[in-house]
Amino acid sequence: MDLQQRAAESILTFWAEAGVDVCLNETPVDRLAEGAARLKARQQPAPVTVARAAVQAKGPDVSAACAEAARLAKAAQNLEQLAAAIAGFEGCGLRYEGARQAVFYRGDLAASLMIVGEGPGADEDARGEPFVGKAGQLLDKMLAAAGLTGRVFITNTVFWRPPGNRTPTAAEQLVCAPFVERAIELVNPRMLMLVGGASAKHMLRREEGILSLRGRWFEWKSADETLALPALPTLHPAFLLRQPAAKKKAWTDLLTLTERLDRPDRPA
């Protein structure tokens, strides 16, 4: 067998192993037309509901979205129903800006401490749970060191990942607020820990930065002021990863909170 024959057999063997069993089809195929058809199908807009179309066209009507969120939240009789209501809610523009899914909560459903962060990031968006990335891992280590493992309920002020992990806007937080408030009612914690400046400022309706708010006790109140809880703002774990020297301040805040959480109730 000469060199050319061996080369030809080698090429034929390669293509056979790759799954090629014919050299020519019986009928011609216009590959350019096939590619154009696939591209056209990919460019076709997905079917949209009226609510989604309105959000995409000019942004959400915040007042109407808040009213709808309040209606859905009030109707939820437990956290499972609340999670379903959030997943189906179309009034927050974040769900149309690249988020994969709603990210509601993780943790104890009857926790004595509720942690409210800012918004989900890429890892949370992929997993469907808050605080599961590097910042969440640091938070879990801190909670474990403080003896709080299994005693917390963790959520955020918004339930869809802001594009580029940007800070959620006040309007986005406002639209999601009825769901957060209903979660607080259903879990019924003894106190709140507000993680990060965007969370603290929104939940407490204050303008100071987190370095001014952290470590100080405030009173969180529901929109109708029928529910009030002590709330302690602290630094976000993502900030601590960037500024390790600040971990001492966050640890002090956590010890302050744990001491109050475990303090026996005073007799009436």
C-alpha atoms as a PDB file:
ATOM      1  CA  MET A   1       0.000   0.000   0.000  1.00  0.00           C
ATOM      2  CA  ASP A   2       1.518   3.303  -1.056  1.00  0.00           C
ATOM      3  CA  LEU A   3       1.558   6.531   0.943  1.00  0.00           C
ATOM      4  CA  GLN A   4      -1.448   8.080  -0.827  1.00  0.00           C
ATOM      5  CA  GLN A   5      -3.635   5.023  -0.125  1.00  0.00           C
ATOM      6  CA  ARG A   6      -2.707   5.020   3.557  1.00  0.00           C
ATOM      7  CA  ALA A   7      -3.474   8.725   3.763  1.00  0.00           C
ATOM      8  CA  ALA A   8      -6.853   8.207   2.097  1.00  0.00           C
ATOM      9  CA  GLU A   9      -7.756   5.347   4.442  1.00  0.00           C
ATOM     10  CA  SER A  10      -6.707   7.416   7.438  1.00  0.00           C
ATOM     11  CA  ILE A  11      -8.958  10.290   6.385  1.00  0.00           C
ATOM     12  CA  LEU A  12     -11.905   7.966   5.711  1.00  0.00           C
ATOM     13  CA  THR A  13     -11.444   6.272   9.096  1.00  0.00           C
ATOM     14  CA  PHE A  14     -11.391   9.662  10.829  1.00  0.00           C
ATOM     15  CA  TRP A  15     -14.635  10.793   9.192  1.00  0.00           C
ATOM     16  CA  ALA A  16     -16.317   7.452   9.875  1.00  0.00           C
ATOM     17  CA  GLU A  17     -15.471   7.681  13.575  1.00  0.00           C
ATOM     18  CA  ALA A  18     -16.810  11.243  13.549  1.00  0.00           C
ATOM     19  CA  GLY A  19     -20.185   9.921  12.360  1.00  0.00           C
ATOM     20  CA  VAL A  20     -19.982  10.942   8.681  1.00  0.00           C
ATOM     21  CA  ASP A  21     -21.525   8.121   6.637  1.00  0.00           C
ATOM     22  CA  VAL A  22     -22.160   9.835   3.284  1.00  0.00           C
ATOM     23  CA  CYS A  23     -20.079  12.196   1.188  1.00  0.00           C
ATOM     24  CA  LEU A  24     -22.987  13.799  -0.643  1.00  0.00           C
ATOM     25  CA  ASN A  25     -26.687  14.017   0.141  1.00  0.00           C
ATOM     26  CA  GLU A  26     -29.137  12.841  -2.465  1.00  0.00           C
ATOM     27  CA  THR A  27     -30.655  16.331  -2.596  1.00  0.00           C
ATOM     28  CA  PRO A  28     -28.834  19.669  -2.245  1.00  0.00           C
ATOM     29  CA  VAL A  29     -29.157  21.596   1.030  1.00  0.00           C
ATOM     30  CA  ASP A  30     -28.958  25.381   1.181  1.00  0.00           C
ATOM     31  CA  ARG A  31     -26.893  25.837   4.353  1.00  0.00           C
ATOM     32  CA  LEU A  32     -27.067  29.628   4.110  1.00  0.00           C
ATOM     33  CA  ALA A  33     -30.867  29.518   4.091  1.00  0.00           C
ATOM     34  CA  GLU A  34     -30.862  27.130   7.063  1.00  0.00           C
ATOM     35  CA  GLY A  35     -28.630  29.480   9.033  1.00  0.00           C
ATOM     36  CA  ALA A  36     -30.787  32.488   8.163  1.00  0.00           C
ATOM     37  CA  ALA A  37     -33.925  30.635   9.320  1.00  0.00           C
ATOM     38  CA  ARG A  38     -32.329  29.711  12.655  1.00  0.00           C
ATOM     39  CA  LEU A  39     -31.183  33.298  13.166  1.00  0.00           C
ATOM     40  CA  LYS A  40     -34.661  34.623  12.388  1.00  0.00           C
ATOM     41  CA  ALA A  41     -36.254  32.210  14.871  1.00  0.00           C
ATOM     42  CA  ARG A  42     -33.763  33.268  17.534  1.00  0.00           C
ATOM     43  CA  GLN A  43     -34.620  36.918  16.962  1.00  0.00           C
ATOM     44  CA  GLN A  44     -38.374  36.415  17.312  1.00  0.00           C
ATOM     45  CA  PRO A  45     -39.558  38.085  20.546  1.00  0.00           C
ATOM     46  CA  ALA A  46     -40.942  35.799  23.236  1.00  0.00           C
ATOM     47  CA  PRO A  47     -44.674  36.038  23.936  1.00  0.00           C
ATOM     48  CA  VAL A  48     -45.315  38.661  26.578  1.00  0.00           C
ATOM     49  CA  THR A  49     -48.149  39.378  28.931  1.00  0.00           C
ATOM     50  CA  VAL A  50     -49.712  42.812  29.102  1.00  0.00           C
ATOM     51  CA  ALA A  51     -47.871  43.551  32.355  1.00  0.00           C
ATOM     52  CA  ARG A  52     -44.525  42.478  30.946  1.00  0.00           C
ATOM     53  CA  ALA A  53     -45.076  44.466  27.747  1.00  0.00           C
ATOM     54  CA  ALA A  54     -45.751  47.588  29.801  1.00  0.00           C
ATOM     55  CA  VAL A  55     -42.603  47.075  31.873  1.00  0.00           C
ATOM     56  CA  GLN A  56     -40.472  46.570  28.769  1.00  0.00           C
ATOM     57  CA  ALA A  57     -41.970  49.529  26.931  1.00  0.00           C
ATOM     58  CA  LYS A  58     -41.715  52.285  29.500  1.00  0.00           C
ATOM     59  CA  GLY A  59     -40.780  50.748  32.824  1.00  0.00           C
ATOM     60  CA  PRO A  60     -43.149  49.649  35.562  1.00  0.00           C
ATOM     61  CA  ASP A  61     -45.932  51.808  36.935  1.00  0.00           C
ATOM     62  CA  VAL A  62     -44.551  51.846  40.471  1.00  0.00           C
ATOM     63  CA  SER A  63     -47.857  52.695  42.150  1.00  0.00           C
ATOM     64  CA  ALA A  64     -49.748  49.979  40.314  1.00  0.00           C
ATOM     65  CA  ALA A  65     -46.938  47.475  40.864  1.00  0.00           C
ATOM     66  CA  CYS A  66     -46.849  48.231  44.591  1.00  0.00           C
ATOM     67  CA  ALA A  67     -50.602  47.798  44.836  1.00  0.00           C
ATOM     68  CA  GLU A  68     -50.431  44.461  43.032  1.00  0.00           C
ATOM     69  CA  ALA A  69     -47.524  43.306  45.210  1.00  0.00           C
ATOM     70  CA  ALA A  70     -49.463  44.270  48.330  1.00  0.00           C
ATOM     71  CA  ARG A  71     -52.525  42.334  47.115  1.00  0.00           C
ATOM     72  CA  LEU A  72     -50.494  39.215  46.348  1.00  0.00           C
ATOM     73  CA  ALA A  73     -48.520  39.415  49.579  1.00  0.00           C
ATOM     74  CA  LYS A  74     -51.623  39.805  51.726  1.00  0.00           C
ATOM     75  CA  ALA A  75     -53.228  36.779  50.092  1.00  0.00           C
ATOM     76  CA  ALA A  76     -50.253  34.541  50.905  1.00  0.00           C
ATOM     77  CA  GLN A  77     -51.030  32.504  54.011  1.00  0.00           C
ATOM     78  CA  ASN A  78     -47.598  30.913  54.337  1.00  0.00           C
ATOM     79  CA  LEU A  79     -44.074  31.227  52.962  1.00  0.00           C
ATOM     80  CA  GLU A  80     -44.682  28.669  50.231  1.00  0.00           C
ATOM     81  CA  GLN A  81     -47.581  30.712  48.897  1.00  0.00           C
ATOM     82  CA  LEU A  82     -45.535  33.888  49.243  1.00  0.00           C
ATOM     83  CA  ALA A  83     -42.688  32.349  47.247  1.00  0.00           C
ATOM     84  CA  ALA A  84     -45.143  31.397  44.495  1.00  0.00           C
ATOM     85  CA  ALA A  85     -46.577  34.920  44.476  1.00  0.00           C
ATOM     86  CA  ILE A  86     -43.107  36.421  44.119  1.00  0.00           C
ATOM     87  CA  ALA A  87     -42.167  34.011  41.325  1.00  0.00           C
ATOM     88  CA  GLY A  88     -45.269  35.018  39.371  1.00  0.00           C
ATOM     89  CA  PHE A  89     -45.039  38.743  40.046  1.00  0.00           C
ATOM     90  CA  GLU A  90     -44.435  40.816  36.905  1.00  0.00           C
ATOM     91  CA  GLY A  91     -44.275  44.311  38.361  1.00  0.00           C
ATOM     92  CA  CYS A  92     -40.537  44.492  39.060  1.00  0.00           C
ATOM     93  CA  GLY A  93     -38.475  45.470  36.029  1.00  0.00           C
ATOM     94  CA  LEU A  94     -35.459  43.526  37.286  1.00  0.00           C
ATOM     95  CA  ARG A  95     -37.009  40.217  36.221  1.00  0.00           C
ATOM     96  CA  TYR A  96     -36.737  41.352  32.583  1.00  0.00           C
ATOM     97  CA  GLU A  97     -33.126  42.529  32.750  1.00  0.00           C
ATOM     98  CA  GLY A  98     -31.397  39.164  32.513  1.00  0.00           C
ATOM     99  CA  ALA A  99     -32.330  37.489  35.819  1.00  0.00           C
ATOM    100  CA  ARG A 100     -32.812  33.724  35.578  1.00  0.00           C
ATOM    101  CA  GLN A 101     -35.289  33.346  38.425  1.00  0.00           C
ATOM    102  CA  ALA A 102     -36.696  34.869  41.577  1.00  0.00           C
ATOM    103  CA  VAL A 103     -34.454  34.501  44.639  1.00  0.00           C
ATOM    104  CA  PHE A 104     -36.531  34.640  47.814  1.00  0.00           C
ATOM    105  CA  TYR A 105     -35.057  33.077  50.955  1.00  0.00           C
ATOM    106  CA  ARG A 106     -33.120  30.370  52.729  1.00  0.00           C
ATOM    107  CA  GLY A 107     -32.995  29.391  56.378  1.00  0.00           C
ATOM    108  CA  ASP A 108     -35.291  28.651  59.311  1.00  0.00           C
ATOM    109  CA  LEU A 109     -38.971  29.359  58.638  1.00  0.00           C
ATOM    110  CA  ALA A 110     -39.520  30.292  62.295  1.00  0.00           C
ATOM    111  CA  ALA A 111     -36.205  32.046  62.902  1.00  0.00           C
ATOM    112  CA  SER A 112     -35.693  34.483  65.740  1.00  0.00           C
ATOM    113  CA  LEU A 113     -33.430  36.575  63.504  1.00  0.00           C
ATOM    114  CA  MET A 114     -34.170  37.741  59.958  1.00  0.00           C
ATOM    115  CA  ILE A 115     -31.292  38.961  57.810  1.00  0.00           C
ATOM    116  CA  VAL A 116     -32.212  41.335  54.986  1.00  0.00           C
ATOM    117  CA  GLY A 117     -29.563  41.943  52.343  1.00  0.00           C
ATOM    118  CA  GLU A 118     -29.655  44.110  49.233  1.00  0.00           C
ATOM    119  CA  GLY A 119     -30.181  41.866  46.199  1.00  0.00           C
ATOM    120  CA  PRO A 120     -29.047  38.589  44.637  1.00  0.00           C
ATOM    121  CA  GLY A 121     -25.800  38.291  42.685  1.00  0.00           C
ATOM    122  CA  ALA A 122     -24.707  35.896  39.959  1.00  0.00           C
ATOM    123  CA  ASP A 123     -24.322  32.860  42.242  1.00  0.00           C
ATOM    124  CA  GLU A 124     -27.669  33.520  43.886  1.00  0.00           C
ATOM    125  CA  ASP A 125     -29.347  33.984  40.511  1.00  0.00           C
ATOM    126  CA  ALA A 126     -28.005  30.608  39.403  1.00  0.00           C
ATOM    127  CA  ARG A 127     -28.898  28.748  42.618  1.00  0.00           C
ATOM    128  CA  GLY A 128     -32.178  30.459  43.485  1.00  0.00           C
ATOM    129  CA  GLU A 129     -31.106  31.178  47.094  1.00  0.00           C
ATOM    130  CA  PRO A 130     -29.729  34.347  48.694  1.00  0.00           C
ATOM    131  CA  PHE A 131     -26.166  34.673  50.012  1.00  0.00           C
ATOM    132  CA  VAL A 132     -24.643  31.529  48.529  1.00  0.00           C
ATOM    133  CA  GLY A 133     -21.602  33.068  46.805  1.00  0.00           C
ATOM    134  CA  LYS A 134     -18.346  34.143  48.422  1.00  0.00           C
ATOM    135  CA  ALA A 135     -20.063  36.864  50.443  1.00  0.00           C
ATOM    136  CA  GLY A 136     -22.665  34.366  51.634  1.00  0.00           C
ATOM    137  CA  GLN A 137     -19.992  31.883  52.618  1.00  0.00           C
ATOM    138  CA  LEU A 138     -18.330  34.549  54.747  1.00  0.00           C
ATOM    139  CA  LEU A 139     -21.693  35.418  56.293  1.00  0.00           C
ATOM    140  CA  ASP A 140     -22.294  31.754  57.155  1.00  0.00           C
ATOM    141  CA  LYS A 141     -18.880  31.528  58.830  1.00  0.00           C
ATOM    142  CA  MET A 142     -19.637  34.610  60.916  1.00  0.00           C
ATOM    143  CA  LEU A 143     -23.061  33.281  61.903  1.00  0.00           C
ATOM    144  CA  ALA A 144     -21.529  29.945  62.879  1.00  0.00           C
ATOM    145  CA  ALA A 145     -18.880  31.649  65.014  1.00  0.00           C
ATOM    146  CA  ALA A 146     -21.632  33.623  66.764  1.00  0.00           C
ATOM    147  CA  GLY A 147     -23.706  30.480  67.421  1.00  0.00           C
ATOM    148  CA  LEU A 148     -26.466  31.488  65.006  1.00  0.00           C
ATOM    149  CA  THR A 149     -26.328  28.611  62.533  1.00  0.00           C
ATOM    150  CA  GLY A 150     -29.851  27.333  61.884  1.00  0.00           C
ATOM    151  CA  ARG A 151     -31.418  30.286  63.685  1.00  0.00           C
ATOM    152  CA  VAL A 152     -31.739  32.781  60.846  1.00  0.00           C
ATOM    153  CA  PHE A 153     -33.991  33.504  57.880  1.00  0.00           C
ATOM    154  CA  ILE A 154     -32.151  35.226  55.021  1.00  0.00           C
ATOM    155  CA  THR A 155     -33.719  37.323  52.260  1.00  0.00           C
ATOM    156  CA  ASN A 156     -33.109  40.552  50.308  1.00  0.00           C
ATOM    157  CA  THR A 157     -34.872  43.829  49.540  1.00  0.00           C
ATOM    158  CA  VAL A 158     -35.312  42.704  45.889  1.00  0.00           C
ATOM    159  CA  PHE A 159     -35.718  39.191  44.522  1.00  0.00           C
ATOM    160  CA  TRP A 160     -34.132  39.405  41.069  1.00  0.00           C
ATOM    161  CA  ARG A 161     -30.495  40.023  40.279  1.00  0.00           C
ATOM    162  CA  PRO A 162     -29.789  43.627  39.220  1.00  0.00           C
ATOM    163  CA  PRO A 163     -27.717  43.596  36.007  1.00  0.00           C
ATOM    164  CA  GLY A 164     -24.005  43.776  36.687  1.00  0.00           C
ATOM    165  CA  ASN A 165     -24.736  43.302  40.415  1.00  0.00           C
ATOM    166  CA  ARG A 166     -25.536  46.999  40.671  1.00  0.00           C
ATOM    167  CA  THR A 167     -27.294  48.394  43.737  1.00  0.00           C
ATOM    168  CA  PRO A 168     -31.091  48.064  43.450  1.00  0.00           C
ATOM    169  CA  THR A 169     -32.919  51.319  42.927  1.00  0.00           C
ATOM    170  CA  ALA A 170     -35.343  52.794  45.435  1.00  0.00           C
ATOM    171  CA  ALA A 171     -38.246  52.074  43.036  1.00  0.00           C
ATOM    172  CA  GLU A 172     -37.222  48.420  42.679  1.00  0.00           C
ATOM    173  CA  GLN A 173     -37.029  48.051  46.456  1.00  0.00           C
ATOM    174  CA  LEU A 174     -40.351  49.813  46.915  1.00  0.00           C
ATOM    175  CA  VAL A 175     -42.111  47.431  44.530  1.00  0.00           C
ATOM    176  CA  CYS A 176     -40.745  44.396  46.393  1.00  0.00           C
ATOM    177  CA  ALA A 177     -41.344  45.866  49.869  1.00  0.00           C
ATOM    178  CA  PRO A 178     -44.827  44.333  50.421  1.00  0.00           C
ATOM    179  CA  PHE A 179     -43.331  40.864  49.949  1.00  0.00           C
ATOM    180  CA  VAL A 180     -40.498  41.570  52.379  1.00  0.00           C
ATOM    181  CA  GLU A 181     -42.962  42.901  54.921  1.00  0.00           C
ATOM    182  CA  ARG A 182     -45.217  39.873  54.547  1.00  0.00           C
ATOM    183  CA  ALA A 183     -42.211  37.586  55.014  1.00  0.00           C
ATOM    184  CA  ILE A 184     -41.448  39.374  58.277  1.00  0.00           C
ATOM    185  CA  GLU A 185     -45.045  38.871  59.404  1.00  0.00           C
ATOM    186  CA  LEU A 186     -45.022  35.159  58.545  1.00  0.00           C
ATOM    187  CA  VAL A 187     -41.613  34.365  60.048  1.00  0.00           C
ATOM    188  CA  ASN A 188     -42.257  36.593  63.071  1.00  0.00           C
ATOM    189  CA  PRO A 189     -38.608  37.087  64.105  1.00  0.00           C
ATOM    190  CA  ARG A 190     -37.534  38.875  67.260  1.00  0.00           C
ATOM    191  CA  MET A 191     -35.255  41.272  65.390  1.00  0.00           C
ATOM    192  CA  LEU A 192     -33.719  42.176  62.051  1.00  0.00           C
ATOM    193  CA  MET A 193     -30.134  42.459  60.850  1.00  0.00           C
ATOM    194  CA  LEU A 194     -29.887  44.775  57.841  1.00  0.00           C
ATOM    195  CA  VAL A 195     -26.865  43.911  55.726  1.00  0.00           C
ATOM    196  CA  GLY A 196     -25.375  46.662  53.576  1.00  0.00           C
ATOM    197  CA  GLY A 197     -26.181  50.304  52.983  1.00  0.00           C
ATOM    198  CA  ALA A 198     -28.942  49.790  50.415  1.00  0.00           C
ATOM    199  CA  SER A 199     -30.802  47.466  52.767  1.00  0.00           C
ATOM    200  CA  ALA A 200     -30.391  49.629  55.876  1.00  0.00           C
ATOM    201  CA  LYS A 201     -31.377  52.878  54.165  1.00  0.00           C
ATOM    202  CA  HIS A 202     -34.436  51.343  52.520  1.00  0.00           C
ATOM    203  CA  MET A 203     -35.716  49.366  55.495  1.00  0.00           C
ATOM    204  CA  LEU A 204     -35.201  52.198  57.979  1.00  0.00           C
ATOM    205  CA  ARG A 205     -36.148  55.026  55.580  1.00  0.00           C
ATOM    206  CA  ARG A 206     -32.944  56.892  56.384  1.00  0.00           C
ATOM    207  CA  GLU A 207     -30.362  58.693  54.259  1.00  0.00           C
ATOM    208  CA  GLU A 208     -27.138  58.095  56.217  1.00  0.00           C
ATOM    209  CA  GLY A 209     -24.468  55.807  54.841  1.00  0.00           C
ATOM    210  CA  ILE A 210     -23.809  52.371  56.267  1.00  0.00           C
ATOM    211  CA  LEU A 211     -20.655  53.464  58.101  1.00  0.00           C
ATOM    212  CA  SER A 212     -22.825  55.875  60.060  1.00  0.00           C
ATOM    213  CA  LEU A 213     -25.747  53.472  60.569  1.00  0.00           C
ATOM    214  CA  ARG A 214     -23.868  50.271  61.435  1.00  0.00           C
ATOM    215  CA  GLY A 215     -23.737  49.118  65.029  1.00  0.00           C
ATOM    216  CA  ARG A 216     -26.692  51.286  66.103  1.00  0.00           C
ATOM    217  CA  TRP A 217     -30.104  49.966  67.069  1.00  0.00           C
ATOM    218  CA  PHE A 218     -33.135  51.310  65.216  1.00  0.00           C
ATOM    219  CA  GLU A 219     -36.806  50.441  65.090  1.00  0.00           C
ATOM    220  CA  TRP A 220     -38.133  49.018  61.857  1.00  0.00           C
ATOM    221  CA  LYS A 221     -41.853  49.631  61.269  1.00  0.00           C
ATOM    222  CA  SER A 222     -44.221  48.137  58.729  1.00  0.00           C
ATOM    223  CA  ALA A 223     -45.861  50.463  56.210  1.00  0.00           C
ATOM    224  CA  ASP A 224     -49.025  50.706  58.306  1.00  0.00           C
ATOM    225  CA  GLU A 225     -46.931  50.891  61.515  1.00  0.00           C
ATOM    226  CA  THR A 226     -48.784  47.967  63.081  1.00  0.00           C
ATOM    227  CA  LEU A 227     -45.597  45.918  63.313  1.00  0.00           C
ATOM    228  CA  ALA A 228     -42.286  47.092  64.797  1.00  0.00           C
ATOM    229  CA  LEU A 229     -39.016  45.270  65.425  1.00  0.00           C
ATOM    230  CA  PRO A 230     -35.528  46.214  66.624  1.00  0.00           C
ATOM    231  CA  ALA A 231     -33.119  46.346  63.687  1.00  0.00           C
ATOM    232  CA  LEU A 232     -29.337  46.492  63.579  1.00  0.00           C
ATOM    233  CA  PRO A 233     -27.553  47.572  60.373  1.00  0.00           C
ATOM    234  CA  THR A 234     -24.135  46.119  59.629  1.00  0.00           C
ATOM    235  CA  LEU A 235     -21.565  45.961  56.838  1.00  0.00           C
ATOM    236  CA  HIS A 236     -22.163  43.739  53.844  1.00  0.00           C
ATOM    237  CA  PRO A 237     -19.918  40.638  53.613  1.00  0.00           C
ATOM    238  CA  ALA A 238     -18.983  41.649  50.052  1.00  0.00           C
ATOM    239  CA  PHE A 239     -17.546  44.871  51.507  1.00  0.00           C
ATOM    240  CA  LEU A 240     -15.651  42.854  54.102  1.00  0.00           C
ATOM    241  CA  LEU A 241     -14.073  40.760  51.340  1.00  0.00           C
ATOM    242  CA  ARG A 242     -12.805  43.970  49.755  1.00  0.00           C
ATOM    243  CA  GLN A 243     -11.876  45.601  53.068  1.00  0.00           C
ATOM    244  CA  PRO A 244     -10.750  42.839  55.481  1.00  0.00           C
ATOM    245  CA  ALA A 245      -9.806  45.403  58.133  1.00  0.00           C
ATOM    246  CA  ALA A 246     -13.529  46.171  58.539  1.00  0.00           C
ATOM    247  CA  LYS A 247     -14.310  42.619  59.681  1.00  0.00           C
ATOM    248  CA  LYS A 248     -13.687  43.650  63.288  1.00  0.00           C
ATOM    249  CA  LYS A 249     -16.538  46.185  63.090  1.00  0.00           C
ATOM    250  CA  ALA A 250     -18.928  43.657  61.580  1.00  0.00           C
ATOM    251  CA  TRP A 251     -17.980  41.074  64.205  1.00  0.00           C
ATOM    252  CA  THR A 252     -18.651  43.624  66.960  1.00  0.00           C
ATOM    253  CA  ASP A 253     -22.076  44.293  65.428  1.00  0.00           C
ATOM    254  CA  LEU A 254     -22.845  40.582  65.317  1.00  0.00           C
ATOM    255  CA  LEU A 255     -21.851  40.064  68.957  1.00  0.00           C
ATOM    256  CA  THR A 256     -24.031  43.029  69.953  1.00  0.00           C
ATOM    257  CA  LEU A 257     -26.975  41.509  68.116  1.00  0.00           C
ATOM    258  CA  THR A 258     -26.405  38.010  69.526  1.00  0.00           C
ATOM    259  CA  GLU A 259     -26.226  39.312  73.069  1.00  0.00           C
ATOM    260  CA  ARG A 260     -29.582  41.057  72.677  1.00  0.00           C
ATOM    261  CA  LEU A 261     -31.126  38.109  70.841  1.00  0.00           C
ATOM    262  CA  ASP A 262     -30.210  35.687  73.626  1.00  0.00           C
ATOM    263  CA  ARG A 263     -31.094  38.055  76.448  1.00  0.00           C
ATOM    264  CA  PRO A 264     -34.021  36.672  78.465  1.00  0.00           C
ATOM    265  CA  ASP A 265     -37.242  38.601  78.042  1.00  0.00           C
ATOM    266  CA  ARG A 266     -37.873  40.919  80.914  1.00  0.00           C
ATOM    267  CA  PRO A 267     -40.874  40.027  83.065  1.00  0.00           C
ATOM    268  CA  ALA A 268     -43.928  42.172  82.503  1.00  0.00           C
END
